[in-house]
Amino acid sequence: MENNNENLNSEQKMAEVKAWLAYADNLTKYGVMPRYPNEIEVDEYMAKTAVAQASKILEWAKGVIIK
């Protein structure tokens, strides 16, 4: 019985990690500076989305570190 709980928790953790990796993939393009041109153009919607996702990642990381 305990082994099943461990597997379930492991599967839940893996699903959570995959979800956060998807957020990270969405944010990566904002953390990379292109060689040419020297300016990155980001519309307001994408900037707000990136900040919201970064905030969620930060809260998740705080929860993992504090536990």
Protein backbone atom coordinates (compact mmCIF):
# COMPACT_ATOMS: atom_id res chain seq x y z
CA MET A 1 0.00 0.00 0.00
CA GLU A 2 2.77 2.41 0.92
CA ASN A 3 4.58 1.60 -2.31
CA ASN A 4 1.50 2.63 -4.31
CA ASN A 5 1.40 5.96 -2.44
CA GLU A 6 5.08 6.51 -3.22
CA ASN A 7 4.46 5.79 -6.91
CA LEU A 8 1.46 8.13 -6.95
CA ASN A 9 3.43 10.89 -5.24
CA SER A 10 6.28 10.31 -7.67
CA GLU A 11 3.90 10.55 -10.63
CA GLN A 12 2.32 13.69 -9.22
CA LYS A 13 5.74 15.25 -8.70
CA MET A 14 6.78 14.37 -12.25
CA ALA A 15 3.59 15.91 -13.65
CA GLU A 16 4.24 19.06 -11.63
CA VAL A 17 7.83 19.27 -12.83
CA LYS A 18 6.70 18.85 -16.46
CA ALA A 19 4.20 21.66 -16.02
CA TRP A 20 6.88 24.00 -14.66
CA LEU A 21 9.28 23.01 -17.43
CA ALA A 22 6.62 24.07 -19.93
CA TYR A 23 6.47 27.47 -18.21
CA ALA A 24 10.27 27.68 -18.35
CA ASP A 25 10.22 26.90 -22.08
CA ASN A 26 7.81 29.79 -22.61
CA LEU A 27 10.08 32.16 -20.66
CA THR A 28 13.34 31.08 -22.31
CA LYS A 29 12.86 33.20 -25.41
CA TYR A 30 12.79 36.32 -23.20
CA GLY A 31 16.05 35.41 -21.48
CA VAL A 32 18.07 35.04 -24.67
CA MET A 33 19.57 38.09 -26.33
CA PRO A 34 19.81 37.82 -30.09
CA ARG A 35 23.03 38.85 -31.76
CA TYR A 36 21.25 41.02 -34.36
CA PRO A 37 19.33 43.25 -33.83
CA ASN A 38 20.36 44.58 -30.43
CA GLU A 39 16.79 45.26 -29.38
CA ILE A 40 14.14 42.70 -28.58
CA GLU A 41 10.57 43.63 -29.41
CA VAL A 42 8.00 42.13 -27.06
CA ASP A 43 4.37 43.11 -27.08
CA GLU A 44 2.60 43.97 -23.83
CA TYR A 45 0.55 40.76 -23.71
CA MET A 46 3.63 38.53 -24.00
CA ALA A 47 5.51 40.57 -21.38
CA LYS A 48 2.62 40.29 -18.92
CA THR A 49 2.34 36.56 -19.61
CA ALA A 50 6.06 36.06 -19.01
CA VAL A 51 5.96 37.99 -15.73
CA ALA A 52 2.89 36.05 -14.54
CA GLN A 53 4.54 32.72 -15.37
CA ALA A 54 7.80 33.79 -13.72
CA SER A 55 5.84 34.70 -10.58
CA LYS A 56 4.20 31.26 -10.53
CA ILE A 57 7.58 29.56 -10.93
CA LEU A 58 9.02 31.65 -8.08
CA GLU A 59 6.13 30.74 -5.76
CA TRP A 60 6.52 27.05 -6.65
CA ALA A 61 10.28 27.18 -6.04
CA LYS A 62 9.76 28.88 -2.68
CA GLY A 63 7.35 26.11 -1.70
CA VAL A 64 9.80 23.40 -2.68
CA ILE A 65 12.75 25.05 -0.90
CA ILE A 66 10.84 25.85 2.29
CA LYS A 67 9.38 22.34 2.60
